[in-house]
C-alpha atoms as a PDB file:
ATOM      1  CA  MET A   1      23.031  -3.027   0.432  1.00  0.00           C
ATOM      2  CA  LEU A   2      23.536  -6.606   0.828  1.00  0.00           C
ATOM      3  CA  ALA A   3      24.262  -9.354  -1.509  1.00  0.00           C
ATOM      4  CA  VAL A   4      23.227 -13.124  -2.009  1.00  0.00           C
ATOM      5  CA  THR A   5      25.517 -15.705  -3.697  1.00  0.00           C
ATOM      6  CA  LEU A   6      23.661 -18.178  -6.148  1.00  0.00           C
ATOM      7  CA  ARG A   7      24.982 -21.114  -8.235  1.00  0.00           C
ATOM      8  CA  GLN A   8      24.474 -20.716 -11.941  1.00  0.00           C
ATOM      9  CA  PRO A   9      21.861 -20.694 -13.727  1.00  0.00           C
ATOM     10  CA  PHE A  10      19.888 -18.824 -11.100  1.00  0.00           C
ATOM     11  CA  PRO A  11      21.836 -15.559 -11.308  1.00  0.00           C
ATOM     12  CA  LEU A  12      21.692 -15.748 -15.111  1.00  0.00           C
ATOM     13  CA  PHE A  13      17.781 -16.504 -14.818  1.00  0.00           C
ATOM     14  CA  ILE A  14      17.176 -13.494 -12.070  1.00  0.00           C
ATOM     15  CA  ALA A  15      19.119 -10.722 -13.883  1.00  0.00           C
ATOM     16  CA  ARG A  16      17.217 -11.684 -17.487  1.00  0.00           C
ATOM     17  CA  GLY A  17      13.943 -11.181 -15.606  1.00  0.00           C
ATOM     18  CA  LEU A  18      13.248 -14.941 -16.142  1.00  0.00           C
ATOM     19  CA  CYS A  19      12.975 -15.574 -12.340  1.00  0.00           C
ATOM     20  CA  ASP A  20      11.469 -13.692  -9.734  1.00  0.00           C
ATOM     21  CA  VAL A  21      12.285 -15.468  -6.541  1.00  0.00           C
ATOM     22  CA  ILE A  22      15.110 -17.289  -4.382  1.00  0.00           C
ATOM     23  CA  VAL A  23      14.057 -20.170  -2.645  1.00  0.00           C
ATOM     24  CA  ARG A  24      15.684 -21.268   0.543  1.00  0.00           C
ATOM     25  CA  ASP A  25      14.827 -23.450   3.379  1.00  0.00           C
ATOM     26  CA  PHE A  26      14.958 -20.381   5.757  1.00  0.00           C
ATOM     27  CA  PRO A  27      13.822 -16.575   5.524  1.00  0.00           C
ATOM     28  CA  PRO A  28      16.089 -14.063   4.980  1.00  0.00           C
ATOM     29  CA  PRO A  29      17.958 -13.008   8.128  1.00  0.00           C
ATOM     30  CA  GLY A  30      15.771 -10.662  10.303  1.00  0.00           C
ATOM     31  CA  HIS A  31      13.160 -10.966   7.574  1.00  0.00           C
ATOM     32  CA  TYR A  32      15.277  -8.500   5.448  1.00  0.00           C
ATOM     33  CA  THR A  33      13.878  -6.156   2.620  1.00  0.00           C
ATOM     34  CA  GLY A  34      15.542  -3.968   0.542  1.00  0.00           C
ATOM     35  CA  PRO A  35      18.081  -3.650  -1.940  1.00  0.00           C
ATOM     36  CA  LEU A  36      20.100  -7.024  -2.658  1.00  0.00           C
ATOM     37  CA  LEU A  37      22.968  -7.712  -5.128  1.00  0.00           C
ATOM     38  CA  ILE A  38      22.727 -10.854  -7.031  1.00  0.00           C
ATOM     39  CA  HIS A  39      26.111 -12.778  -7.080  1.00  0.00           C
ATOM     40  CA  ALA A  40      26.613 -15.567  -9.397  1.00  0.00           C
ATOM     41  CA  GLY A  41      28.758 -18.116  -7.197  1.00  0.00           C
ATOM     42  CA  ARG A  42      31.753 -20.271  -8.506  1.00  0.00           C
ATOM     43  CA  SER A  43      29.834 -23.346  -9.061  1.00  0.00           C
ATOM     44  CA  TYR A  44      26.601 -24.239 -10.668  1.00  0.00           C
ATOM     45  CA  ASP A  45      23.384 -26.006  -9.101  1.00  0.00           C
ATOM     46  CA  GLU A  46      23.879 -29.687 -10.613  1.00  0.00           C
ATOM     47  CA  ALA A  47      20.264 -30.483 -10.510  1.00  0.00           C
ATOM     48  CA  TRP A  48      20.061 -27.281 -13.327  1.00  0.00           C
ATOM     49  CA  ARG A  49      23.510 -27.989 -14.804  1.00  0.00           C
ATOM     50  CA  ARG A  50      22.167 -30.163 -17.646  1.00  0.00           C
ATOM     51  CA  HIS A  51      19.500 -28.071 -18.266  1.00  0.00           C
ATOM     52  CA  ILE A  52      21.257 -25.010 -19.223  1.00  0.00           C
ATOM     53  CA  PRO A  53      21.974 -25.603 -22.611  1.00  0.00           C
ATOM     54  CA  ASP A  54      17.908 -26.141 -23.085  1.00  0.00           C
ATOM     55  CA  VAL A  55      17.383 -23.084 -21.640  1.00  0.00           C
ATOM     56  CA  VAL A  56      20.028 -20.996 -23.438  1.00  0.00           C
ATOM     57  CA  HIS A  57      18.799 -22.146 -26.772  1.00  0.00           C
ATOM     58  CA  GLY A  58      15.337 -23.090 -26.030  1.00  0.00           C
ATOM     59  CA  ILE A  59      12.180 -20.907 -25.189  1.00  0.00           C
ATOM     60  CA  ALA A  60      14.214 -18.150 -23.340  1.00  0.00           C
ATOM     61  CA  GLY A  61      17.413 -18.499 -25.381  1.00  0.00           C
ATOM     62  CA  ALA A  62      16.824 -15.938 -28.185  1.00  0.00           C
ATOM     63  CA  ALA A  63      16.501 -13.206 -25.257  1.00  0.00           C
ATOM     64  CA  LEU A  64      19.682 -14.579 -23.553  1.00  0.00           C
ATOM     65  CA  ARG A  65      21.553 -14.993 -26.873  1.00  0.00           C
ATOM     66  CA  GLU A  66      20.589 -10.885 -27.750  1.00  0.00           C
ATOM     67  CA  ALA A  67      21.849 -10.063 -24.226  1.00  0.00           C
ATOM     68  CA  GLY A  68      25.445 -11.824 -24.927  1.00  0.00           C
ATOM     69  CA  TYR A  69      24.911 -14.484 -22.310  1.00  0.00           C
ATOM     70  CA  LEU A  70      26.596 -17.510 -23.856  1.00  0.00           C
ATOM     71  CA  TYR A  71      29.040 -19.982 -22.478  1.00  0.00           C
ATOM     72  CA  PRO A  72      30.657 -19.926 -20.145  1.00  0.00           C
ATOM     73  CA  LEU A  73      28.146 -18.084 -17.821  1.00  0.00           C
ATOM     74  CA  PRO A  74      29.418 -15.314 -15.479  1.00  0.00           C
ATOM     75  CA  ARG A  75      30.680 -16.680 -12.151  1.00  0.00           C
ATOM     76  CA  SER A  76      32.257 -15.103  -9.061  1.00  0.00           C
ATOM     77  CA  SER A  77      30.304 -11.728 -10.160  1.00  0.00           C
ATOM     78  CA  ILE A  78      27.658  -9.536  -9.121  1.00  0.00           C
ATOM     79  CA  VAL A  79      25.576  -9.956 -12.118  1.00  0.00           C
ATOM     80  CA  ALA A  80      22.152  -7.678 -11.151  1.00  0.00           C
ATOM     81  CA  TYR A  81      20.663  -5.371  -8.621  1.00  0.00           C
ATOM     82  CA  ALA A  82      17.288  -6.192  -7.402  1.00  0.00           C
ATOM     83  CA  VAL A  83      14.802  -4.892  -4.296  1.00  0.00           C
ATOM     84  CA  LEU A  84      13.922  -8.021  -2.084  1.00  0.00           C
ATOM     85  CA  SER A  85      10.234  -6.839  -1.871  1.00  0.00           C
ATOM     86  CA  TYR A  86       8.941  -9.602   0.563  1.00  0.00           C
ATOM     87  CA  SER A  87       9.414 -13.407   1.692  1.00  0.00           C
ATOM     88  CA  SER A  88       6.985 -15.792   2.304  1.00  0.00           C
ATOM     89  CA  THR A  89       5.941 -19.759   2.769  1.00  0.00           C
ATOM     90  CA  GLN A  90       3.109 -19.386   0.305  1.00  0.00           C
ATOM     91  CA  SER A  91       4.085 -19.762  -3.460  1.00  0.00           C
ATOM     92  CA  ALA A  92       3.336 -16.852  -5.759  1.00  0.00           C
ATOM     93  CA  SER A  93       5.441 -17.811  -8.496  1.00  0.00           C
ATOM     94  CA  HIS A  94       6.111 -21.349 -10.484  1.00  0.00           C
ATOM     95  CA  TRP A  95       9.964 -20.959  -9.533  1.00  0.00           C
ATOM     96  CA  HIS A  96       8.811 -21.226  -5.746  1.00  0.00           C
ATOM     97  CA  THR A  97       8.046 -24.989  -6.459  1.00  0.00           C
ATOM     98  CA  GLN A  98      10.723 -25.813  -9.471  1.00  0.00           C
ATOM     99  CA  GLY A  99      14.148 -27.351  -9.470  1.00  0.00           C
ATOM    100  CA  SER A 100      16.175 -28.734  -6.797  1.00  0.00           C
ATOM    101  CA  HIS A 101      14.241 -26.613  -4.110  1.00  0.00           C
ATOM    102  CA  ARG A 102      11.142 -28.507  -4.302  1.00  0.00           C
ATOM    103  CA  ASP A 103      11.756 -28.935  -0.315  1.00  0.00           C
ATOM    104  CA  ALA A 104      12.267 -25.526   0.168  1.00  0.00           C
ATOM    105  CA  HIS A 105       9.779 -23.535   2.072  1.00  0.00           C
ATOM    106  CA  TRP A 106      10.881 -19.841   1.882  1.00  0.00           C
ATOM    107  CA  GLY A 107      10.637 -17.806  -1.307  1.00  0.00           C
ATOM    108  CA  TRP A 108      12.475 -14.316  -1.242  1.00  0.00           C
ATOM    109  CA  TYR A 109      10.567 -12.232  -3.649  1.00  0.00           C
ATOM    110  CA  LEU A 110      12.364  -9.653  -5.915  1.00  0.00           C
ATOM    111  CA  GLY A 111      11.494  -6.546  -7.651  1.00  0.00           C
ATOM    112  CA  ASP A 112      12.817  -4.078  -9.809  1.00  0.00           C
ATOM    113  CA  VAL A 113      15.619  -6.316 -11.022  1.00  0.00           C
ATOM    114  CA  VAL A 114      18.374  -4.448 -13.065  1.00  0.00           C
ATOM    115  CA  ALA A 115      21.010  -6.593 -15.112  1.00  0.00           C
ATOM    116  CA  LEU A 116      24.132  -5.030 -14.470  1.00  0.00           C
ATOM    117  CA  ASP A 117      26.561  -4.159 -17.663  1.00  0.00           C
ATOM    118  CA  PRO A 118      29.185  -4.780 -17.187  1.00  0.00           C
ATOM    119  CA  ILE A 119      28.933  -7.259 -14.392  1.00  0.00           C
ATOM    120  CA  ILE A 120      31.522  -6.617 -11.571  1.00  0.00           C
ATOM    121  CA  PRO A 121      33.699  -9.643 -11.718  1.00  0.00           C
ATOM    122  CA  ASP A 122      36.119 -11.174  -9.601  1.00  0.00           C
ATOM    123  CA  VAL A 123      33.583 -10.833  -6.135  1.00  0.00           C
ATOM    124  CA  ARG A 124      34.206 -13.756  -3.630  1.00  0.00           C
ATOM    125  CA  GLY A 125      30.505 -14.534  -2.279  1.00  0.00           C
ATOM    126  CA  GLN A 126      29.302 -15.606   1.052  1.00  0.00           C
ATOM    127  CA  PRO A 127      26.832 -18.164   2.556  1.00  0.00           C
ATOM    128  CA  GLY A 128      23.368 -16.309   3.437  1.00  0.00           C
ATOM    129  CA  LEU A 129      23.396 -12.317   3.074  1.00  0.00           C
ATOM    130  CA  TRP A 130      26.683 -10.498   3.185  1.00  0.00           C
ATOM    131  CA  ALA A 131      27.923  -7.024   2.784  1.00  0.00           C
ATOM    132  CA  PRO A 132      29.797  -6.769  -0.617  1.00  0.00           C
ATOM    133  CA  GLY A 133      32.354  -3.860   0.199  1.00  0.00           C
ATOM    134  CA  ARG A 134      32.422  -0.367  -0.186  1.00  0.00           C
ATOM    135  CA  CYS A 135      34.241  -0.606  -4.008  1.00  0.00           C
ATOM    136  CA  VAL A 136      31.565  -3.016  -4.886  1.00  0.00           C
ATOM    137  CA  GLU A 137      28.432  -1.032  -3.786  1.00  0.00           C
ATOM    138  CA  ALA A 138      30.020   2.301  -5.221  1.00  0.00           C
ATOM    139  CA  ALA A 139      30.234   0.534  -8.794  1.00  0.00           C
ATOM    140  CA  VAL A 140      27.013  -0.832  -8.511  1.00  0.00           C
ATOM    141  CA  ARG A 141      25.446   2.871  -7.429  1.00  0.00           C
ATOM    142  CA  LYS A 142      27.440   4.272 -10.555  1.00  0.00           C
ATOM    143  CA  GLN A 143      25.764   2.022 -13.037  1.00  0.00           C
ATOM    144  CA  LEU A 144      22.583   2.546 -11.327  1.00  0.00           C
ATOM    145  CA  ALA A 145      22.948   6.371 -11.207  1.00  0.00           C
ATOM    146  CA  ASP A 146      24.141   6.466 -15.002  1.00  0.00           C
ATOM    147  CA  ARG A 147      20.984   4.399 -16.157  1.00  0.00           C
ATOM    148  CA  ASP A 148      18.343   6.945 -13.990  1.00  0.00           C
ATOM    149  CA  GLY A 149      20.634   9.877 -15.534  1.00  0.00           C
ATOM    150  CA  THR A 150      21.340  10.934 -11.922  1.00  0.00           C
ATOM    151  CA  ALA A 151      25.282  10.775 -12.350  1.00  0.00           C
END
């Protein structure tokens, strides 16, 4: 199981099912596909920071408020589990061409997203894909098993 660190608000959008792709200017290392933890980094994406209130209070706002996402947005935390299904330079999502990543070429497409509740706080992120450590991985596996009833 690997993790990727993203700046808010994208981890929130992914965890709530509002965004289905991570946009980068490079493919996943080794064209990785498989389990992927979504880590909310310490900082915000500055190009989107001013839009966060609009999103939280706008169309997606009701779903976010119902899920308990109010300010401050979680940071330095694992917020979701997903499966990195495939990567492509061909846009299959409107998110592939949005925001501060307009010039990026690669879309890392996600499926089977599960928002973690509770989130796993105080996790230090890293650039690229990274291994989250046994304790974090065990906590995620426990949550997934509890949801599936296989614990």
